[in-house]
């Protein structure tokens, strides 16, 4: 079967155009439309908006059961400089109260700066002597009150789809673009293949 120049050029280009456009639409439909849209009696919605709750549950499961465990949190807490932390808390918590007491005539003479420092050091030392108990109570509180899996799932489920789309595109824009171009390349090859088949059969 004889081919015109127009046929030889148009068929592969048309295949490339169709492949590119269909892949571009497929990529767009990962996120869009955000809300369900009716089209010819069919309910259309982007993949991520439609499955966001399922996605959130899966991410929560992975993070809660495999990435962040209570033991990891406890280990991180044990690396905190508890003495420095207590010093800061005492300074902010009782510092202003002590200053107001020092303004009183009878008490002010007793609450010298040296005695206040001694009091803070004694309080800090007394608390630090029960360091193991503090960590044990923290661990118990985390076990009963911190559900990492549920917390992550709720956060992801409540995350705006527009921001989620922007976040994914910032990370995977190059790969998604490659998918679109690959659609065009495959379409071009299919168009060339069609020409070869028609030529061989003709």
C-alpha atoms as a PDB file:
ATOM      1  CA  UNK A   1       0.000   0.000   0.000  1.00  0.00           C
ATOM      2  CA  UNK A   2       1.586   3.293  -1.059  1.00  0.00           C
ATOM      3  CA  UNK A   3       1.877   6.012   1.568  1.00  0.00           C
ATOM      4  CA  UNK A   4       1.881   9.726   1.021  1.00  0.00           C
ATOM      5  CA  UNK A   5       4.342  11.915   2.879  1.00  0.00           C
ATOM      6  CA  UNK A   6       1.409  13.329   4.815  1.00  0.00           C
ATOM      7  CA  UNK A   7       0.371   9.861   6.013  1.00  0.00           C
ATOM      8  CA  UNK A   8       3.911   8.899   7.035  1.00  0.00           C
ATOM      9  CA  UNK A   9       4.247  12.103   9.073  1.00  0.00           C
ATOM     10  CA  UNK A  10       0.702  12.451  10.400  1.00  0.00           C
ATOM     11  CA  UNK A  11       0.112   8.937  11.781  1.00  0.00           C
ATOM     12  CA  UNK A  12       3.160   8.848  14.120  1.00  0.00           C
ATOM     13  CA  UNK A  13       2.603  12.472  15.170  1.00  0.00           C
ATOM     14  CA  UNK A  14      -1.050  11.796  15.890  1.00  0.00           C
ATOM     15  CA  UNK A  15      -0.049   8.754  17.948  1.00  0.00           C
ATOM     16  CA  UNK A  16       2.486  10.861  19.854  1.00  0.00           C
ATOM     17  CA  UNK A  17      -0.114  13.569  20.500  1.00  0.00           C
ATOM     18  CA  UNK A  18      -2.687  11.059  21.729  1.00  0.00           C
ATOM     19  CA  UNK A  19      -0.141   9.321  23.972  1.00  0.00           C
ATOM     20  CA  UNK A  20       1.086  12.603  25.447  1.00  0.00           C
ATOM     21  CA  UNK A  21      -2.388  14.033  26.030  1.00  0.00           C
ATOM     22  CA  UNK A  22      -3.768  10.858  27.616  1.00  0.00           C
ATOM     23  CA  UNK A  23      -0.802  10.570  29.990  1.00  0.00           C
ATOM     24  CA  UNK A  24      -1.050  14.262  30.852  1.00  0.00           C
ATOM     25  CA  UNK A  25      -4.730  13.846  31.654  1.00  0.00           C
ATOM     26  CA  UNK A  26      -3.921  10.761  33.738  1.00  0.00           C
ATOM     27  CA  UNK A  27      -1.301  12.701  35.725  1.00  0.00           C
ATOM     28  CA  UNK A  28      -3.697  15.612  36.258  1.00  0.00           C
ATOM     29  CA  UNK A  29      -6.395  13.217  37.443  1.00  0.00           C
ATOM     30  CA  UNK A  30      -4.174  12.080  40.275  1.00  0.00           C
ATOM     31  CA  UNK A  31      -5.219  15.341  41.981  1.00  0.00           C
ATOM     32  CA  UNK A  32      -8.085  16.787  39.924  1.00  0.00           C
ATOM     33  CA  UNK A  33     -10.952  17.337  40.143  1.00  0.00           C
ATOM     34  CA  UNK A  34     -10.763  17.816  43.878  1.00  0.00           C
ATOM     35  CA  UNK A  35     -14.526  17.525  44.325  1.00  0.00           C
ATOM     36  CA  UNK A  36     -16.689  14.982  42.482  1.00  0.00           C
ATOM     37  CA  UNK A  37     -17.887  16.118  39.065  1.00  0.00           C
ATOM     38  CA  UNK A  38     -20.620  14.446  37.039  1.00  0.00           C
ATOM     39  CA  UNK A  39     -19.860  13.759  33.375  1.00  0.00           C
ATOM     40  CA  UNK A  40     -22.230  11.748  31.167  1.00  0.00           C
ATOM     41  CA  UNK A  41     -23.669  10.132  34.257  1.00  0.00           C
ATOM     42  CA  UNK A  42     -20.215   9.174  35.548  1.00  0.00           C
ATOM     43  CA  UNK A  43     -18.868  10.501  38.865  1.00  0.00           C
ATOM     44  CA  UNK A  44     -15.313  11.732  38.334  1.00  0.00           C
ATOM     45  CA  UNK A  45     -12.888  12.740  41.080  1.00  0.00           C
ATOM     46  CA  UNK A  46      -9.109  12.852  41.396  1.00  0.00           C
ATOM     47  CA  UNK A  47      -7.430   9.744  42.784  1.00  0.00           C
ATOM     48  CA  UNK A  48      -5.893  11.374  45.865  1.00  0.00           C
ATOM     49  CA  UNK A  49      -8.987  13.424  46.846  1.00  0.00           C
ATOM     50  CA  UNK A  50     -11.149  10.315  46.463  1.00  0.00           C
ATOM     51  CA  UNK A  51      -8.801   8.032  48.412  1.00  0.00           C
ATOM     52  CA  UNK A  52      -7.369  10.570  50.865  1.00  0.00           C
ATOM     53  CA  UNK A  53      -8.829   8.841  53.934  1.00  0.00           C
ATOM     54  CA  UNK A  54      -7.499   5.453  52.823  1.00  0.00           C
ATOM     55  CA  UNK A  55      -4.131   7.052  52.051  1.00  0.00           C
ATOM     56  CA  UNK A  56      -4.097   8.724  55.473  1.00  0.00           C
ATOM     57  CA  UNK A  57      -4.870   5.420  57.181  1.00  0.00           C
ATOM     58  CA  UNK A  58      -2.076   3.643  55.290  1.00  0.00           C
ATOM     59  CA  UNK A  59       0.480   6.376  56.042  1.00  0.00           C
ATOM     60  CA  UNK A  60      -0.571   6.386  59.695  1.00  0.00           C
ATOM     61  CA  UNK A  61      -0.150   2.621  59.835  1.00  0.00           C
ATOM     62  CA  UNK A  62       3.346   2.764  58.306  1.00  0.00           C
ATOM     63  CA  UNK A  63       4.515   5.647  60.506  1.00  0.00           C
ATOM     64  CA  UNK A  64       2.915   4.351  63.702  1.00  0.00           C
ATOM     65  CA  UNK A  65       3.958   0.723  63.346  1.00  0.00           C
ATOM     66  CA  UNK A  66       7.245   0.892  61.465  1.00  0.00           C
ATOM     67  CA  UNK A  67       8.841   4.354  61.491  1.00  0.00           C
ATOM     68  CA  UNK A  68       8.037   5.973  64.846  1.00  0.00           C
ATOM     69  CA  UNK A  69       7.566   3.717  67.868  1.00  0.00           C
ATOM     70  CA  UNK A  70       7.098   4.582  71.525  1.00  0.00           C
ATOM     71  CA  UNK A  71      10.558   3.205  72.307  1.00  0.00           C
ATOM     72  CA  UNK A  72      12.055   5.677  69.825  1.00  0.00           C
ATOM     73  CA  UNK A  73      10.246   8.568  71.511  1.00  0.00           C
ATOM     74  CA  UNK A  74      11.362   7.444  74.972  1.00  0.00           C
ATOM     75  CA  UNK A  75      14.940   7.082  73.746  1.00  0.00           C
ATOM     76  CA  UNK A  76      14.815  10.622  72.341  1.00  0.00           C
ATOM     77  CA  UNK A  77      13.392  11.963  75.610  1.00  0.00           C
ATOM     78  CA  UNK A  78      16.219  10.337  77.546  1.00  0.00           C
ATOM     79  CA  UNK A  79      18.705  12.322  75.478  1.00  0.00           C
ATOM     80  CA  UNK A  80      17.176  15.588  76.684  1.00  0.00           C
ATOM     81  CA  UNK A  81      19.290  17.487  79.225  1.00  0.00           C
ATOM     82  CA  UNK A  82      16.769  17.205  82.057  1.00  0.00           C
ATOM     83  CA  UNK A  83      18.848  19.315  84.431  1.00  0.00           C
ATOM     84  CA  UNK A  84      19.002  22.233  82.004  1.00  0.00           C
ATOM     85  CA  UNK A  85      15.309  21.851  81.218  1.00  0.00           C
ATOM     86  CA  UNK A  86      14.358  21.891  84.899  1.00  0.00           C
ATOM     87  CA  UNK A  87      16.526  24.943  85.479  1.00  0.00           C
ATOM     88  CA  UNK A  88      14.721  26.799  82.722  1.00  0.00           C
ATOM     89  CA  UNK A  89      11.290  25.720  84.004  1.00  0.00           C
ATOM     90  CA  UNK A  90      12.087  26.746  87.568  1.00  0.00           C
ATOM     91  CA  UNK A  91      13.446  30.086  86.400  1.00  0.00           C
ATOM     92  CA  UNK A  92      10.298  30.845  84.431  1.00  0.00           C
ATOM     93  CA  UNK A  93       7.897  29.258  86.905  1.00  0.00           C
ATOM     94  CA  UNK A  94       9.021  30.469  90.318  1.00  0.00           C
ATOM     95  CA  UNK A  95      11.409  33.258  89.324  1.00  0.00           C
ATOM     96  CA  UNK A  96       8.752  36.003  89.101  1.00  0.00           C
ATOM     97  CA  UNK A  97       7.103  34.799  92.332  1.00  0.00           C
ATOM     98  CA  UNK A  98      10.397  34.892  94.222  1.00  0.00           C
ATOM     99  CA  UNK A  99      11.111  38.395  92.929  1.00  0.00           C
ATOM    100  CA  UNK A 100       7.746  39.580  94.229  1.00  0.00           C
ATOM    101  CA  UNK A 101       8.465  37.973  97.620  1.00  0.00           C
ATOM    102  CA  UNK A 102      11.887  39.637  97.763  1.00  0.00           C
ATOM    103  CA  UNK A 103      10.113  42.981  97.544  1.00  0.00           C
ATOM    104  CA  UNK A 104       8.437  42.332 100.919  1.00  0.00           C
ATOM    105  CA  UNK A 105      10.294  43.912 103.864  1.00  0.00           C
ATOM    106  CA  UNK A 106      10.482  40.877 106.163  1.00  0.00           C
ATOM    107  CA  UNK A 107      11.008  38.134 103.586  1.00  0.00           C
ATOM    108  CA  UNK A 108      13.173  40.083 101.159  1.00  0.00           C
ATOM    109  CA  UNK A 109      16.184  40.112 103.466  1.00  0.00           C
ATOM    110  CA  UNK A 110      16.090  36.335 103.768  1.00  0.00           C
ATOM    111  CA  UNK A 111      15.651  35.597 100.056  1.00  0.00           C
ATOM    112  CA  UNK A 112      19.070  36.680  98.895  1.00  0.00           C
ATOM    113  CA  UNK A 113      20.287  35.750  95.409  1.00  0.00           C
ATOM    114  CA  UNK A 114      22.549  33.079  96.923  1.00  0.00           C
ATOM    115  CA  UNK A 115      19.691  31.465  98.865  1.00  0.00           C
ATOM    116  CA  UNK A 116      17.439  31.532  95.795  1.00  0.00           C
ATOM    117  CA  UNK A 117      20.134  29.771  93.752  1.00  0.00           C
ATOM    118  CA  UNK A 118      20.594  27.208  96.533  1.00  0.00           C
ATOM    119  CA  UNK A 119      16.841  26.602  96.577  1.00  0.00           C
ATOM    120  CA  UNK A 120      16.743  26.076  92.809  1.00  0.00           C
ATOM    121  CA  UNK A 121      19.714  23.710  92.941  1.00  0.00           C
ATOM    122  CA  UNK A 122      18.122  21.736  95.779  1.00  0.00           C
ATOM    123  CA  UNK A 123      14.826  21.449  93.896  1.00  0.00           C
ATOM    124  CA  UNK A 124      16.603  20.375  90.718  1.00  0.00           C
ATOM    125  CA  UNK A 125      18.719  17.812  92.570  1.00  0.00           C
ATOM    126  CA  UNK A 126      15.673  16.411  94.367  1.00  0.00           C
ATOM    127  CA  UNK A 127      13.776  15.982  91.114  1.00  0.00           C
ATOM    128  CA  UNK A 128      16.751  14.484  89.272  1.00  0.00           C
ATOM    129  CA  UNK A 129      17.132  11.846  91.982  1.00  0.00           C
ATOM    130  CA  UNK A 130      13.842  10.465  90.648  1.00  0.00           C
ATOM    131  CA  UNK A 131      14.911  10.643  87.003  1.00  0.00           C
ATOM    132  CA  UNK A 132      14.098   6.977  86.358  1.00  0.00           C
ATOM    133  CA  UNK A 133      10.620   7.389  87.838  1.00  0.00           C
ATOM    134  CA  UNK A 134      10.026  10.441  85.655  1.00  0.00           C
ATOM    135  CA  UNK A 135      10.939   8.531  82.501  1.00  0.00           C
ATOM    136  CA  UNK A 136       8.827   5.580  83.618  1.00  0.00           C
ATOM    137  CA  UNK A 137       5.791   7.823  84.152  1.00  0.00           C
ATOM    138  CA  UNK A 138       6.405   9.531  80.816  1.00  0.00           C
ATOM    139  CA  UNK A 139       6.554   6.157  79.100  1.00  0.00           C
ATOM    140  CA  UNK A 140       3.291   5.091  80.737  1.00  0.00           C
ATOM    141  CA  UNK A 141       1.650   8.364  79.705  1.00  0.00           C
ATOM    142  CA  UNK A 142       2.851   7.936  76.119  1.00  0.00           C
ATOM    143  CA  UNK A 143       1.657   4.333  75.996  1.00  0.00           C
ATOM    144  CA  UNK A 144      -1.824   5.313  77.129  1.00  0.00           C
ATOM    145  CA  UNK A 145      -2.198   8.740  75.573  1.00  0.00           C
ATOM    146  CA  UNK A 146      -0.099   8.947  72.399  1.00  0.00           C
ATOM    147  CA  UNK A 147      -1.449   7.053  69.403  1.00  0.00           C
ATOM    148  CA  UNK A 148       1.031   7.901  66.636  1.00  0.00           C
ATOM    149  CA  UNK A 149      -0.886   5.933  64.016  1.00  0.00           C
ATOM    150  CA  UNK A 150      -4.166   7.719  64.718  1.00  0.00           C
ATOM    151  CA  UNK A 151      -2.499  11.138  65.032  1.00  0.00           C
ATOM    152  CA  UNK A 152      -0.716  10.849  61.668  1.00  0.00           C
ATOM    153  CA  UNK A 153      -3.835   9.480  59.957  1.00  0.00           C
ATOM    154  CA  UNK A 154      -5.944  12.382  61.239  1.00  0.00           C
ATOM    155  CA  UNK A 155      -3.358  14.961  60.164  1.00  0.00           C
ATOM    156  CA  UNK A 156      -3.037  13.535  56.638  1.00  0.00           C
ATOM    157  CA  UNK A 157      -6.818  13.173  56.263  1.00  0.00           C
ATOM    158  CA  UNK A 158      -7.293  16.823  57.271  1.00  0.00           C
ATOM    159  CA  UNK A 159      -4.455  18.100  55.066  1.00  0.00           C
ATOM    160  CA  UNK A 160      -5.827  20.285  52.228  1.00  0.00           C
ATOM    161  CA  UNK A 161      -5.596  18.480  48.892  1.00  0.00           C
ATOM    162  CA  UNK A 162      -4.217  21.612  47.222  1.00  0.00           C
ATOM    163  CA  UNK A 163      -1.268  21.699  49.636  1.00  0.00           C
ATOM    164  CA  UNK A 164      -0.800  17.946  49.287  1.00  0.00           C
ATOM    165  CA  UNK A 165      -0.692  18.360  45.505  1.00  0.00           C
ATOM    166  CA  UNK A 166       1.860  21.168  45.792  1.00  0.00           C
ATOM    167  CA  UNK A 167       3.994  19.077  48.147  1.00  0.00           C
ATOM    168  CA  UNK A 168       3.982  16.035  45.846  1.00  0.00           C
ATOM    169  CA  UNK A 169       4.694  18.150  42.768  1.00  0.00           C
ATOM    170  CA  UNK A 170       7.678  19.765  44.494  1.00  0.00           C
ATOM    171  CA  UNK A 171       9.135  16.309  45.055  1.00  0.00           C
ATOM    172  CA  UNK A 172       8.018  14.397  41.954  1.00  0.00           C
ATOM    173  CA  UNK A 173       7.478  17.053  39.261  1.00  0.00           C
ATOM    174  CA  UNK A 174      10.331  15.705  37.119  1.00  0.00           C
ATOM    175  CA  UNK A 175       9.064  12.115  37.302  1.00  0.00           C
ATOM    176  CA  UNK A 176       5.479  13.096  36.484  1.00  0.00           C
ATOM    177  CA  UNK A 177       6.732  15.169  33.549  1.00  0.00           C
ATOM    178  CA  UNK A 178       8.709  12.141  32.353  1.00  0.00           C
ATOM    179  CA  UNK A 179       5.507  10.065  32.422  1.00  0.00           C
ATOM    180  CA  UNK A 180       3.794  12.610  30.168  1.00  0.00           C
ATOM    181  CA  UNK A 181       6.703  12.635  27.703  1.00  0.00           C
ATOM    182  CA  UNK A 182       6.911   8.845  27.781  1.00  0.00           C
ATOM    183  CA  UNK A 183       3.275   8.745  26.698  1.00  0.00           C
ATOM    184  CA  UNK A 184       4.181  10.825  23.662  1.00  0.00           C
ATOM    185  CA  UNK A 185       7.167   8.613  22.829  1.00  0.00           C
ATOM    186  CA  UNK A 186       5.118   5.422  23.113  1.00  0.00           C
ATOM    187  CA  UNK A 187       2.371   6.979  21.004  1.00  0.00           C
ATOM    188  CA  UNK A 188       4.959   7.863  18.350  1.00  0.00           C
ATOM    189  CA  UNK A 189       6.316   4.309  18.332  1.00  0.00           C
ATOM    190  CA  UNK A 190       2.809   2.862  18.102  1.00  0.00           C
ATOM    191  CA  UNK A 191       2.063   5.168  15.174  1.00  0.00           C
ATOM    192  CA  UNK A 192       5.239   4.007  13.411  1.00  0.00           C
ATOM    193  CA  UNK A 193       4.309   0.408  14.174  1.00  0.00           C
ATOM    194  CA  UNK A 194       0.900   0.902  12.618  1.00  0.00           C
ATOM    195  CA  UNK A 195       2.501   2.201   9.444  1.00  0.00           C
ATOM    196  CA  UNK A 196       4.816  -0.825   9.293  1.00  0.00           C
ATOM    197  CA  UNK A 197       1.925  -3.253   9.829  1.00  0.00           C
ATOM    198  CA  UNK A 198      -0.247  -1.617   7.182  1.00  0.00           C
ATOM    199  CA  UNK A 199       2.695  -1.539   4.773  1.00  0.00           C
ATOM    200  CA  UNK A 200       3.499  -5.221   5.452  1.00  0.00           C
ATOM    201  CA  UNK A 201      -0.115  -6.313   4.971  1.00  0.00           C
ATOM    202  CA  UNK A 202      -0.570  -4.178   1.899  1.00  0.00           C
END
